[in-house]
Amino acid sequence: MDDSLREFLDAMEAERETMGVTGGAPAGSAFLGALGRMTSEAGYAPAVRHLAELGYTVEEIKEQLLYPATDEQIEAVLRESREKAESGESEYVYVKDTDAYGKPTFRRVRKDQADK
């Protein structure tokens, strides 16, 4: 990983830890939680879920990621995915449709309705 990227990420993490002290959002606030989830979804969560579906272990997933994620972050993504699956929450998939002229379009549907 590029040293400048590592420095930037370290600075961002330090800023998140001190936001409550310097007058920003209080540490542990809903804002910081949402920011962490957004960063996770943008940086590594989809890749973690995909690699886990292929049977990779946490260590193997960590080696494959380009975004720096800790073992705890990877395990949290996997735990959240398992909880969603067990609770019956349906995830969405994209179904490809082709019109009469051959132009492909995609529509978002729930996984349980994708075959219909």
PDB file of N, CA and C in Angstrom:
ATOM      1  N   MET A   1       0.839  -1.170   0.000  1.00  0.00           N
ATOM      2  CA  MET A   1       0.000   0.000   0.000  1.00  0.00           C
ATOM      3  C   MET A   1       0.886   1.236   0.000  1.00  0.00           C
ATOM      4  N   ASP A   2       0.452   2.243  -0.704  1.00  0.00           N
ATOM      5  CA  ASP A   2       1.163   3.503  -0.812  1.00  0.00           C
ATOM      6  C   ASP A   2       1.290   4.141   0.570  1.00  0.00           C
ATOM      7  N   ASP A   3       2.493   4.660   0.906  1.00  0.00           N
ATOM      8  CA  ASP A   3       2.719   5.265   2.219  1.00  0.00           C
ATOM      9  C   ASP A   3       1.823   6.471   2.449  1.00  0.00           C
ATOM     10  N   SER A   4       1.559   7.260   1.407  1.00  0.00           N
ATOM     11  CA  SER A   4       0.719   8.443   1.592  1.00  0.00           C
ATOM     12  C   SER A   4      -0.712   8.034   1.927  1.00  0.00           C
ATOM     13  N   LEU A   5      -1.197   6.935   1.334  1.00  0.00           N
ATOM     14  CA  LEU A   5      -2.531   6.447   1.649  1.00  0.00           C
ATOM     15  C   LEU A   5      -2.582   5.957   3.087  1.00  0.00           C
ATOM     16  N   ARG A   6      -1.543   5.238   3.505  1.00  0.00           N
ATOM     17  CA  ARG A   6      -1.479   4.757   4.886  1.00  0.00           C
ATOM     18  C   ARG A   6      -1.484   5.931   5.857  1.00  0.00           C
ATOM     19  N   GLU A   7      -0.714   6.979   5.567  1.00  0.00           N
ATOM     20  CA  GLU A   7      -0.681   8.164   6.425  1.00  0.00           C
ATOM     21  C   GLU A   7      -2.050   8.822   6.493  1.00  0.00           C
ATOM     22  N   PHE A   8      -2.715   8.921   5.351  1.00  0.00           N
ATOM     23  CA  PHE A   8      -4.045   9.527   5.310  1.00  0.00           C
ATOM     24  C   PHE A   8      -5.026   8.726   6.160  1.00  0.00           C
ATOM     25  N   LEU A   9      -5.022   7.400   6.007  1.00  0.00           N
ATOM     26  CA  LEU A   9      -5.939   6.561   6.767  1.00  0.00           C
ATOM     27  C   LEU A   9      -5.649   6.624   8.265  1.00  0.00           C
ATOM     28  N   ASP A  10      -4.376   6.675   8.631  1.00  0.00           N
ATOM     29  CA  ASP A  10      -4.012   6.802  10.040  1.00  0.00           C
ATOM     30  C   ASP A  10      -4.483   8.138  10.601  1.00  0.00           C
ATOM     31  N   ALA A  11      -4.339   9.203   9.799  1.00  0.00           N
ATOM     32  CA  ALA A  11      -4.790  10.527  10.229  1.00  0.00           C
ATOM     33  C   ALA A  11      -6.300  10.559  10.394  1.00  0.00           C
ATOM     34  N   MET A  12      -7.019   9.910   9.471  1.00  0.00           N
ATOM     35  CA  MET A  12      -8.482   9.860   9.573  1.00  0.00           C
ATOM     36  C   MET A  12      -8.919   9.107  10.829  1.00  0.00           C
ATOM     37  N   GLU A  13      -8.254   8.010  11.120  1.00  0.00           N
ATOM     38  CA  GLU A  13      -8.584   7.231  12.311  1.00  0.00           C
ATOM     39  C   GLU A  13      -8.312   8.040  13.572  1.00  0.00           C
ATOM     40  N   ALA A  14      -7.190   8.754  13.600  1.00  0.00           N
ATOM     41  CA  ALA A  14      -6.865   9.597  14.749  1.00  0.00           C
ATOM     42  C   ALA A  14      -7.893  10.710  14.896  1.00  0.00           C
ATOM     43  N   GLU A  15      -8.337  11.281  13.783  1.00  0.00           N
ATOM     44  CA  GLU A  15      -9.349  12.336  13.816  1.00  0.00           C
ATOM     45  C   GLU A  15     -10.667  11.798  14.359  1.00  0.00           C
ATOM     46  N   ARG A  16     -11.044  10.607  13.942  1.00  0.00           N
ATOM     47  CA  ARG A  16     -12.288  10.010  14.441  1.00  0.00           C
ATOM     48  C   ARG A  16     -12.227   9.785  15.938  1.00  0.00           C
ATOM     49  N   GLU A  17     -11.058   9.390  16.440  1.00  0.00           N
ATOM     50  CA  GLU A  17     -10.920   9.125  17.869  1.00  0.00           C
ATOM     51  C   GLU A  17     -10.984  10.402  18.689  1.00  0.00           C
ATOM     52  N   THR A  18     -10.545  11.520  18.122  1.00  0.00           N
ATOM     53  CA  THR A  18     -10.497  12.764  18.880  1.00  0.00           C
ATOM     54  C   THR A  18     -11.670  13.697  18.620  1.00  0.00           C
ATOM     55  N   MET A  19     -12.592  13.327  17.739  1.00  0.00           N
ATOM     56  CA  MET A  19     -13.696  14.221  17.402  1.00  0.00           C
ATOM     57  C   MET A  19     -14.516  14.630  18.615  1.00  0.00           C
ATOM     58  N   GLY A  20     -14.739  13.709  19.535  1.00  0.00           N
ATOM     59  CA  GLY A  20     -15.517  14.035  20.718  1.00  0.00           C
ATOM     60  C   GLY A  20     -14.826  15.058  21.601  1.00  0.00           C
ATOM     61  N   VAL A  21     -13.509  15.021  21.648  1.00  0.00           N
ATOM     62  CA  VAL A  21     -12.740  15.931  22.499  1.00  0.00           C
ATOM     63  C   VAL A  21     -12.640  17.322  21.883  1.00  0.00           C
ATOM     64  N   THR A  22     -12.570  17.423  20.563  1.00  0.00           N
ATOM     65  CA  THR A  22     -12.319  18.701  19.919  1.00  0.00           C
ATOM     66  C   THR A  22     -13.592  19.440  19.510  1.00  0.00           C
ATOM     67  N   GLY A  23     -14.766  18.952  19.901  1.00  0.00           N
ATOM     68  CA  GLY A  23     -15.980  19.688  19.615  1.00  0.00           C
ATOM     69  C   GLY A  23     -16.779  19.163  18.450  1.00  0.00           C
ATOM     70  N   GLY A  24     -16.350  18.099  17.822  1.00  0.00           N
ATOM     71  CA  GLY A  24     -17.120  17.505  16.733  1.00  0.00           C
ATOM     72  C   GLY A  24     -18.207  16.619  17.301  1.00  0.00           C
ATOM     73  N   ALA A  25     -18.596  15.631  16.567  1.00  0.00           N
ATOM     74  CA  ALA A  25     -19.594  14.684  17.055  1.00  0.00           C
ATOM     75  C   ALA A  25     -18.992  13.890  18.206  1.00  0.00           C
ATOM     76  N   PRO A  26     -19.768  13.613  19.237  1.00  0.00           N
ATOM     77  CA  PRO A  26     -19.226  12.865  20.366  1.00  0.00           C
ATOM     78  C   PRO A  26     -18.773  11.474  19.955  1.00  0.00           C
ATOM     79  N   ALA A  27     -17.696  11.023  20.572  1.00  0.00           N
ATOM     80  CA  ALA A  27     -17.177   9.698  20.261  1.00  0.00           C
ATOM     81  C   ALA A  27     -18.258   8.665  20.525  1.00  0.00           C
ATOM     82  N   GLY A  28     -18.431   7.724  19.613  1.00  0.00           N
ATOM     83  CA  GLY A  28     -19.458   6.707  19.760  1.00  0.00           C
ATOM     84  C   GLY A  28     -20.832   7.178  19.323  1.00  0.00           C
ATOM     85  N   SER A  29     -20.899   8.331  18.671  1.00  0.00           N
ATOM     86  CA  SER A  29     -22.190   8.869  18.259  1.00  0.00           C
ATOM     87  C   SER A  29     -22.754   8.116  17.063  1.00  0.00           C
ATOM     88  N   ALA A  30     -24.015   8.361  16.770  1.00  0.00           N
ATOM     89  CA  ALA A  30     -24.656   7.741  15.612  1.00  0.00           C
ATOM     90  C   ALA A  30     -23.958   8.175  14.328  1.00  0.00           C
ATOM     91  N   PHE A  31     -23.481   9.411  14.289  1.00  0.00           N
ATOM     92  CA  PHE A  31     -22.779   9.906  13.103  1.00  0.00           C
ATOM     93  C   PHE A  31     -21.535   9.084  12.822  1.00  0.00           C
ATOM     94  N   LEU A  32     -20.737   8.837  13.852  1.00  0.00           N
ATOM     95  CA  LEU A  32     -19.514   8.063  13.655  1.00  0.00           C
ATOM     96  C   LEU A  32     -19.824   6.619  13.283  1.00  0.00           C
ATOM     97  N   GLY A  33     -20.891   6.073  13.843  1.00  0.00           N
ATOM     98  CA  GLY A  33     -21.298   4.721  13.474  1.00  0.00           C
ATOM     99  C   GLY A  33     -21.692   4.640  12.014  1.00  0.00           C
ATOM    100  N   ALA A  34     -22.481   5.640  11.574  1.00  0.00           N
ATOM    101  CA  ALA A  34     -22.898   5.672  10.169  1.00  0.00           C
ATOM    102  C   ALA A  34     -21.692   5.882   9.253  1.00  0.00           C
ATOM    103  N   LEU A  35     -20.769   6.737   9.669  1.00  0.00           N
ATOM    104  CA  LEU A  35     -19.566   6.976   8.882  1.00  0.00           C
ATOM    105  C   LEU A  35     -18.739   5.696   8.758  1.00  0.00           C
ATOM    106  N   GLY A  36     -18.630   4.957   9.837  1.00  0.00           N
ATOM    107  CA  GLY A  36     -17.888   3.702   9.807  1.00  0.00           C
ATOM    108  C   GLY A  36     -18.545   2.671   8.895  1.00  0.00           C
ATOM    109  N   ARG A  37     -19.884   2.565   8.945  1.00  0.00           N
ATOM    110  CA  ARG A  37     -20.580   1.622   8.069  1.00  0.00           C
ATOM    111  C   ARG A  37     -20.440   2.024   6.613  1.00  0.00           C
ATOM    112  N   MET A  38     -20.512   3.337   6.335  1.00  0.00           N
ATOM    113  CA  MET A  38     -20.372   3.800   4.959  1.00  0.00           C
ATOM    114  C   MET A  38     -18.965   3.502   4.436  1.00  0.00           C
ATOM    115  N   THR A  39     -17.963   3.750   5.256  1.00  0.00           N
ATOM    116  CA  THR A  39     -16.583   3.470   4.871  1.00  0.00           C
ATOM    117  C   THR A  39     -16.394   1.976   4.617  1.00  0.00           C
ATOM    118  N   SER A  40     -16.984   1.173   5.481  1.00  0.00           N
ATOM    119  CA  SER A  40     -16.905  -0.276   5.322  1.00  0.00           C
ATOM    120  C   SER A  40     -17.536  -0.720   4.013  1.00  0.00           C
ATOM    121  N   GLU A  41     -18.728  -0.238   3.717  1.00  0.00           N
ATOM    122  CA  GLU A  41     -19.417  -0.639   2.483  1.00  0.00           C
ATOM    123  C   GLU A  41     -18.669  -0.152   1.244  1.00  0.00           C
ATOM    124  N   ALA A  42     -18.065   1.007   1.327  1.00  0.00           N
ATOM    125  CA  ALA A  42     -17.338   1.536   0.169  1.00  0.00           C
ATOM    126  C   ALA A  42     -15.973   0.869   0.014  1.00  0.00           C
ATOM    127  N   GLY A  43     -15.351   0.499   1.123  1.00  0.00           N
ATOM    128  CA  GLY A  43     -13.973   0.035   1.058  1.00  0.00           C
ATOM    129  C   GLY A  43     -13.772  -1.459   0.933  1.00  0.00           C
ATOM    130  N   TYR A  44     -14.504  -2.248   1.732  1.00  0.00           N
ATOM    131  CA  TYR A  44     -14.141  -3.657   1.764  1.00  0.00           C
ATOM    132  C   TYR A  44     -15.290  -4.628   2.010  1.00  0.00           C
ATOM    133  N   ALA A  45     -16.411  -4.221   2.511  1.00  0.00           N
ATOM    134  CA  ALA A  45     -17.469  -5.161   2.896  1.00  0.00           C
ATOM    135  C   ALA A  45     -17.963  -6.041   1.742  1.00  0.00           C
ATOM    136  N   PRO A  46     -18.238  -5.488   0.546  1.00  0.00           N
ATOM    137  CA  PRO A  46     -18.683  -6.380  -0.533  1.00  0.00           C
ATOM    138  C   PRO A  46     -17.637  -7.435  -0.904  1.00  0.00           C
ATOM    139  N   ALA A  47     -16.377  -7.050  -0.898  1.00  0.00           N
ATOM    140  CA  ALA A  47     -15.307  -7.999  -1.215  1.00  0.00           C
ATOM    141  C   ALA A  47     -15.206  -9.071  -0.135  1.00  0.00           C
ATOM    142  N   VAL A  48     -15.367  -8.674   1.123  1.00  0.00           N
ATOM    143  CA  VAL A  48     -15.312  -9.642   2.218  1.00  0.00           C
ATOM    144  C   VAL A  48     -16.431 -10.668   2.076  1.00  0.00           C
ATOM    145  N   ARG A  49     -17.645 -10.190   1.811  1.00  0.00           N
ATOM    146  CA  ARG A  49     -18.772 -11.116   1.659  1.00  0.00           C
ATOM    147  C   ARG A  49     -18.555 -12.061   0.478  1.00  0.00           C
ATOM    148  N   HIS A  50     -18.051 -11.534  -0.622  1.00  0.00           N
ATOM    149  CA  HIS A  50     -17.806 -12.357  -1.804  1.00  0.00           C
ATOM    150  C   HIS A  50     -16.750 -13.425  -1.518  1.00  0.00           C
ATOM    151  N   LEU A  51     -15.647 -13.034  -0.924  1.00  0.00           N
ATOM    152  CA  LEU A  51     -14.583 -13.992  -0.637  1.00  0.00           C
ATOM    153  C   LEU A  51     -15.037 -15.031   0.384  1.00  0.00           C
ATOM    154  N   ALA A  52     -15.866 -14.618   1.342  1.00  0.00           N
ATOM    155  CA  ALA A  52     -16.384 -15.572   2.325  1.00  0.00           C
ATOM    156  C   ALA A  52     -17.289 -16.600   1.650  1.00  0.00           C
ATOM    157  N   GLU A  53     -18.077 -16.162   0.671  1.00  0.00           N
ATOM    158  CA  GLU A  53     -18.929 -17.100  -0.073  1.00  0.00           C
ATOM    159  C   GLU A  53     -18.094 -18.116  -0.848  1.00  0.00           C
ATOM    160  N   LEU A  54     -16.895 -17.712  -1.244  1.00  0.00           N
ATOM    161  CA  LEU A  54     -16.000 -18.627  -1.954  1.00  0.00           C
ATOM    162  C   LEU A  54     -15.264 -19.566  -1.004  1.00  0.00           C
ATOM    163  N   GLY A  55     -15.433 -19.367   0.311  1.00  0.00           N
ATOM    164  CA  GLY A  55     -14.822 -20.260   1.286  1.00  0.00           C
ATOM    165  C   GLY A  55     -13.518 -19.781   1.885  1.00  0.00           C
ATOM    166  N   TYR A  56     -13.159 -18.524   1.678  1.00  0.00           N
ATOM    167  CA  TYR A  56     -11.910 -18.007   2.230  1.00  0.00           C
ATOM    168  C   TYR A  56     -12.034 -17.810   3.740  1.00  0.00           C
ATOM    169  N   THR A  57     -10.924 -17.976   4.453  1.00  0.00           N
ATOM    170  CA  THR A  57     -10.876 -17.698   5.884  1.00  0.00           C
ATOM    171  C   THR A  57     -10.606 -16.215   6.086  1.00  0.00           C
ATOM    172  N   VAL A  58     -10.718 -15.759   7.334  1.00  0.00           N
ATOM    173  CA  VAL A  58     -10.479 -14.346   7.632  1.00  0.00           C
ATOM    174  C   VAL A  58      -9.068 -13.933   7.228  1.00  0.00           C
ATOM    175  N   GLU A  59      -8.085 -14.787   7.509  1.00  0.00           N
ATOM    176  CA  GLU A  59      -6.703 -14.463   7.166  1.00  0.00           C
ATOM    177  C   GLU A  59      -6.521 -14.369   5.652  1.00  0.00           C
ATOM    178  N   GLU A  60      -7.138 -15.304   4.914  1.00  0.00           N
ATOM    179  CA  GLU A  60      -7.030 -15.281   3.457  1.00  0.00           C
ATOM    180  C   GLU A  60      -7.735 -14.065   2.865  1.00  0.00           C
ATOM    181  N   ILE A  61      -8.871 -13.703   3.461  1.00  0.00           N
ATOM    182  CA  ILE A  61      -9.592 -12.512   3.000  1.00  0.00           C
ATOM    183  C   ILE A  61      -8.732 -11.276   3.211  1.00  0.00           C
ATOM    184  N   LYS A  62      -8.121 -11.181   4.386  1.00  0.00           N
ATOM    185  CA  LYS A  62      -7.284 -10.014   4.705  1.00  0.00           C
ATOM    186  C   LYS A  62      -6.129  -9.878   3.713  1.00  0.00           C
ATOM    187  N   GLU A  63      -5.547 -10.988   3.292  1.00  0.00           N
ATOM    188  CA  GLU A  63      -4.446 -10.959   2.318  1.00  0.00           C
ATOM    189  C   GLU A  63      -4.915 -10.479   0.948  1.00  0.00           C
ATOM    190  N   GLN A  64      -6.161 -10.783   0.595  1.00  0.00           N
ATOM    191  CA  GLN A  64      -6.688 -10.450  -0.726  1.00  0.00           C
ATOM    192  C   GLN A  64      -7.145  -8.998  -0.845  1.00  0.00           C
ATOM    193  N   LEU A  65      -7.487  -8.357   0.271  1.00  0.00           N
ATOM    194  CA  LEU A  65      -8.043  -7.004   0.223  1.00  0.00           C
ATOM    195  C   LEU A  65      -6.990  -5.957  -0.103  1.00  0.00           C
ATOM    196  N   LEU A  66      -7.386  -4.992  -0.906  1.00  0.00           N
ATOM    197  CA  LEU A  66      -6.516  -3.848  -1.187  1.00  0.00           C
ATOM    198  C   LEU A  66      -6.719  -2.760  -0.139  1.00  0.00           C
ATOM    199  N   TYR A  67      -7.907  -2.690   0.442  1.00  0.00           N
ATOM    200  CA  TYR A  67      -8.224  -1.710   1.485  1.00  0.00           C
ATOM    201  C   TYR A  67      -7.792  -2.294   2.823  1.00  0.00           C
ATOM    202  N   PRO A  68      -7.146  -1.511   3.669  1.00  0.00           N
ATOM    203  CA  PRO A  68      -6.682  -2.055   4.946  1.00  0.00           C
ATOM    204  C   PRO A  68      -7.849  -2.295   5.898  1.00  0.00           C
ATOM    205  N   ALA A  69      -8.087  -3.529   6.236  1.00  0.00           N
ATOM    206  CA  ALA A  69      -9.141  -3.884   7.186  1.00  0.00           C
ATOM    207  C   ALA A  69      -8.550  -4.828   8.226  1.00  0.00           C
ATOM    208  N   THR A  70      -8.946  -4.624   9.470  1.00  0.00           N
ATOM    209  CA  THR A  70      -8.455  -5.487  10.543  1.00  0.00           C
ATOM    210  C   THR A  70      -9.271  -6.772  10.582  1.00  0.00           C
ATOM    211  N   ASP A  71      -8.751  -7.745  11.329  1.00  0.00           N
ATOM    212  CA  ASP A  71      -9.486  -9.000  11.499  1.00  0.00           C
ATOM    213  C   ASP A  71     -10.849  -8.733  12.130  1.00  0.00           C
ATOM    214  N   GLU A  72     -10.895  -7.808  13.094  1.00  0.00           N
ATOM    215  CA  GLU A  72     -12.153  -7.492  13.768  1.00  0.00           C
ATOM    216  C   GLU A  72     -13.172  -6.894  12.795  1.00  0.00           C
ATOM    217  N   GLN A  73     -12.722  -6.035  11.895  1.00  0.00           N
ATOM    218  CA  GLN A  73     -13.623  -5.433  10.917  1.00  0.00           C
ATOM    219  C   GLN A  73     -14.165  -6.497   9.955  1.00  0.00           C
ATOM    220  N   ILE A  74     -13.300  -7.398   9.529  1.00  0.00           N
ATOM    221  CA  ILE A  74     -13.724  -8.465   8.626  1.00  0.00           C
ATOM    222  C   ILE A  74     -14.726  -9.372   9.334  1.00  0.00           C
ATOM    223  N   GLU A  75     -14.427  -9.745  10.573  1.00  0.00           N
ATOM    224  CA  GLU A  75     -15.339 -10.595  11.334  1.00  0.00           C
ATOM    225  C   GLU A  75     -16.674  -9.904  11.571  1.00  0.00           C
ATOM    226  N   ALA A  76     -16.663  -8.578  11.777  1.00  0.00           N
ATOM    227  CA  ALA A  76     -17.908  -7.837  11.976  1.00  0.00           C
ATOM    228  C   ALA A  76     -18.781  -7.882  10.724  1.00  0.00           C
ATOM    229  N   VAL A  77     -18.162  -7.754   9.564  1.00  0.00           N
ATOM    230  CA  VAL A  77     -18.915  -7.836   8.302  1.00  0.00           C
ATOM    231  C   VAL A  77     -19.520  -9.225   8.155  1.00  0.00           C
ATOM    232  N   LEU A  78     -18.746 -10.257   8.445  1.00  0.00           N
ATOM    233  CA  LEU A  78     -19.232 -11.629   8.325  1.00  0.00           C
ATOM    234  C   LEU A  78     -20.346 -11.905   9.330  1.00  0.00           C
ATOM    235  N   ARG A  79     -20.189 -11.404  10.551  1.00  0.00           N
ATOM    236  CA  ARG A  79     -21.205 -11.587  11.583  1.00  0.00           C
ATOM    237  C   ARG A  79     -22.514 -10.902  11.180  1.00  0.00           C
ATOM    238  N   GLU A  80     -22.400  -9.676  10.670  1.00  0.00           N
ATOM    239  CA  GLU A  80     -23.580  -8.931  10.232  1.00  0.00           C
ATOM    240  C   GLU A  80     -24.289  -9.653   9.085  1.00  0.00           C
ATOM    241  N   SER A  81     -23.531 -10.205   8.158  1.00  0.00           N
ATOM    242  CA  SER A  81     -24.117 -10.942   7.039  1.00  0.00           C
ATOM    243  C   SER A  81     -24.843 -12.187   7.522  1.00  0.00           C
ATOM    244  N   ARG A  82     -24.222 -12.905   8.475  1.00  0.00           N
ATOM    245  CA  ARG A  82     -24.866 -14.100   9.028  1.00  0.00           C
ATOM    246  C   ARG A  82     -26.159 -13.746   9.744  1.00  0.00           C
ATOM    247  N   GLU A  83     -26.128 -12.668  10.538  1.00  0.00           N
ATOM    248  CA  GLU A  83     -27.318 -12.250  11.276  1.00  0.00           C
ATOM    249  C   GLU A  83     -28.440 -11.855  10.329  1.00  0.00           C
ATOM    250  N   LYS A  84     -28.096 -11.172   9.243  1.00  0.00           N
ATOM    251  CA  LYS A  84     -29.109 -10.809   8.252  1.00  0.00           C
ATOM    252  C   LYS A  84     -29.732 -12.048   7.638  1.00  0.00           C
ATOM    253  N   ALA A  85     -28.902 -13.017   7.300  1.00  0.00           N
ATOM    254  CA  ALA A  85     -29.394 -14.238   6.673  1.00  0.00           C
ATOM    255  C   ALA A  85     -30.278 -15.029   7.636  1.00  0.00           C
ATOM    256  N   GLU A  86     -29.875 -15.091   8.899  1.00  0.00           N
ATOM    257  CA  GLU A  86     -30.638 -15.855   9.886  1.00  0.00           C
ATOM    258  C   GLU A  86     -31.954 -15.178  10.245  1.00  0.00           C
ATOM    259  N   SER A  87     -31.988 -13.848  10.187  1.00  0.00           N
ATOM    260  CA  SER A  87     -33.202 -13.124  10.563  1.00  0.00           C
ATOM    261  C   SER A  87     -34.239 -13.139   9.446  1.00  0.00           C
ATOM    262  N   GLY A  88     -33.852 -13.628   8.286  1.00  0.00           N
ATOM    263  CA  GLY A  88     -34.799 -13.695   7.180  1.00  0.00           C
ATOM    264  C   GLY A  88     -34.858 -12.420   6.362  1.00  0.00           C
ATOM    265  N   GLU A  89     -34.002 -11.456   6.669  1.00  0.00           N
ATOM    266  CA  GLU A  89     -33.974 -10.237   5.870  1.00  0.00           C
ATOM    267  C   GLU A  89     -33.541 -10.585   4.463  1.00  0.00           C
ATOM    268  N   SER A  90     -34.274 -10.105   3.525  1.00  0.00           N
ATOM    269  CA  SER A  90     -33.977 -10.414   2.137  1.00  0.00           C
ATOM    270  C   SER A  90     -33.009  -9.388   1.579  1.00  0.00           C
ATOM    271  N   GLU A  91     -32.010  -9.861   0.898  1.00  0.00           N
ATOM    272  CA  GLU A  91     -31.099  -8.958   0.212  1.00  0.00           C
ATOM    273  C   GLU A  91     -31.557  -8.811  -1.227  1.00  0.00           C
ATOM    274  N   TYR A  92     -31.077  -7.795  -1.866  1.00  0.00           N
ATOM    275  CA  TYR A  92     -31.484  -7.514  -3.230  1.00  0.00           C
ATOM    276  C   TYR A  92     -30.462  -8.049  -4.227  1.00  0.00           C
ATOM    277  N   VAL A  93     -30.938  -8.411  -5.389  1.00  0.00           N
ATOM    278  CA  VAL A  93     -30.091  -8.792  -6.500  1.00  0.00           C
ATOM    279  C   VAL A  93     -30.569  -8.024  -7.722  1.00  0.00           C
ATOM    280  N   TYR A  94     -29.759  -7.990  -8.750  1.00  0.00           N
ATOM    281  CA  TYR A  94     -30.126  -7.309  -9.982  1.00  0.00           C
ATOM    282  C   TYR A  94     -30.392  -8.350 -11.057  1.00  0.00           C
ATOM    283  N   VAL A  95     -31.536  -8.231 -11.681  1.00  0.00           N
ATOM    284  CA  VAL A  95     -31.953  -9.156 -12.723  1.00  0.00           C
ATOM    285  C   VAL A  95     -31.810  -8.449 -14.068  1.00  0.00           C
ATOM    286  N   LYS A  96     -31.201  -9.138 -15.019  1.00  0.00           N
ATOM    287  CA  LYS A  96     -30.987  -8.560 -16.346  1.00  0.00           C
ATOM    288  C   LYS A  96     -32.190  -8.887 -17.237  1.00  0.00           C
ATOM    289  N   ASP A  97     -32.767  -7.863 -17.812  1.00  0.00           N
ATOM    290  CA  ASP A  97     -33.839  -8.009 -18.789  1.00  0.00           C
ATOM    291  C   ASP A  97     -33.334  -7.470 -20.117  1.00  0.00           C
ATOM    292  N   THR A  98     -33.823  -8.029 -21.197  1.00  0.00           N
ATOM    293  CA  THR A  98     -33.456  -7.563 -22.529  1.00  0.00           C
ATOM    294  C   THR A  98     -34.733  -7.194 -23.272  1.00  0.00           C
ATOM    295  N   ASP A  99     -34.762  -5.978 -23.847  1.00  0.00           N
ATOM    296  CA  ASP A  99     -35.958  -5.560 -24.577  1.00  0.00           C
ATOM    297  C   ASP A  99     -35.983  -6.171 -25.978  1.00  0.00           C
ATOM    298  N   ALA A 100     -36.998  -5.819 -26.747  1.00  0.00           N
ATOM    299  CA  ALA A 100     -37.181  -6.402 -28.085  1.00  0.00           C
ATOM    300  C   ALA A 100     -36.028  -6.089 -29.026  1.00  0.00           C
ATOM    301  N   TYR A 101     -35.275  -5.015 -28.748  1.00  0.00           N
ATOM    302  CA  TYR A 101     -34.167  -4.618 -29.612  1.00  0.00           C
ATOM    303  C   TYR A 101     -32.812  -5.124 -29.115  1.00  0.00           C
ATOM    304  N   GLY A 102     -32.828  -5.898 -28.027  1.00  0.00           N
ATOM    305  CA  GLY A 102     -31.590  -6.457 -27.505  1.00  0.00           C
ATOM    306  C   GLY A 102     -30.874  -5.582 -26.496  1.00  0.00           C
ATOM    307  N   LYS A 103     -31.488  -4.469 -26.102  1.00  0.00           N
ATOM    308  CA  LYS A 103     -30.856  -3.578 -25.124  1.00  0.00           C
ATOM    309  C   LYS A 103     -31.054  -4.149 -23.717  1.00  0.00           C
ATOM    310  N   PRO A 104     -29.942  -4.392 -23.011  1.00  0.00           N
ATOM    311  CA  PRO A 104     -30.079  -4.938 -21.662  1.00  0.00           C
ATOM    312  C   PRO A 104     -30.435  -3.846 -20.650  1.00  0.00           C
ATOM    313  N   THR A 105     -31.287  -4.191 -19.710  1.00  0.00           N
ATOM    314  CA  THR A 105     -31.597  -3.321 -18.579  1.00  0.00           C
ATOM    315  C   THR A 105     -31.543  -4.169 -17.322  1.00  0.00           C
ATOM    316  N   PHE A 106     -31.346  -3.538 -16.197  1.00  0.00           N
ATOM    317  CA  PHE A 106     -31.264  -4.242 -14.929  1.00  0.00           C
ATOM    318  C   PHE A 106     -32.318  -3.691 -13.984  1.00  0.00           C
ATOM    319  N   ARG A 107     -32.936  -4.591 -13.231  1.00  0.00           N
ATOM    320  CA  ARG A 107     -33.871  -4.147 -12.212  1.00  0.00           C
ATOM    321  C   ARG A 107     -33.527  -4.826 -10.904  1.00  0.00           C
ATOM    322  N   ARG A 108     -33.740  -4.100  -9.838  1.00  0.00           N
ATOM    323  CA  ARG A 108     -33.404  -4.587  -8.510  1.00  0.00           C
ATOM    324  C   ARG A 108     -34.613  -5.314  -7.932  1.00  0.00           C
ATOM    325  N   VAL A 109     -34.402  -6.560  -7.497  1.00  0.00           N
ATOM    326  CA  VAL A 109     -35.470  -7.347  -6.904  1.00  0.00           C
ATOM    327  C   VAL A 109     -34.939  -8.069  -5.682  1.00  0.00           C
ATOM    328  N   ARG A 110     -35.833  -8.471  -4.821  1.00  0.00           N
ATOM    329  CA  ARG A 110     -35.420  -9.261  -3.658  1.00  0.00           C
ATOM    330  C   ARG A 110     -34.954 -10.642  -4.123  1.00  0.00           C
ATOM    331  N   LYS A 111     -33.983 -11.210  -3.418  1.00  0.00           N
ATOM    332  CA  LYS A 111     -33.443 -12.514  -3.797  1.00  0.00           C
ATOM    333  C   LYS A 111     -34.537 -13.569  -3.889  1.00  0.00           C
ATOM    334  N   ASP A 112     -35.464 -13.548  -2.946  1.00  0.00           N
ATOM    335  CA  ASP A 112     -36.501 -14.579  -2.941  1.00  0.00           C
ATOM    336  C   ASP A 112     -37.493 -14.424  -4.089  1.00  0.00           C
ATOM    337  N   GLN A 113     -37.501 -13.290  -4.767  1.00  0.00           N
ATOM    338  CA  GLN A 113     -38.400 -13.068  -5.896  1.00  0.00           C
ATOM    339  C   GLN A 113     -37.663 -13.073  -7.238  1.00  0.00           C
ATOM    340  N   ALA A 114     -36.378 -13.334  -7.231  1.00  0.00           N
ATOM    341  CA  ALA A 114     -35.564 -13.229  -8.451  1.00  0.00           C
ATOM    342  C   ALA A 114     -35.921 -14.294  -9.473  1.00  0.00           C
ATOM    343  N   ASP A 115     -36.352 -15.451  -9.045  1.00  0.00           N
ATOM    344  CA  ASP A 115     -36.659 -16.532  -9.977  1.00  0.00           C
ATOM    345  C   ASP A 115     -38.031 -16.412 -10.608  1.00  0.00           C
ATOM    346  N   LYS A 116     -38.839 -15.545 -10.081  1.00  0.00           N
ATOM    347  CA  LYS A 116     -40.217 -15.407 -10.572  1.00  0.00           C
ATOM    348  C   LYS A 116     -40.295 -14.567 -11.813  1.00  0.00           C
TER     349      LYS A 116
END
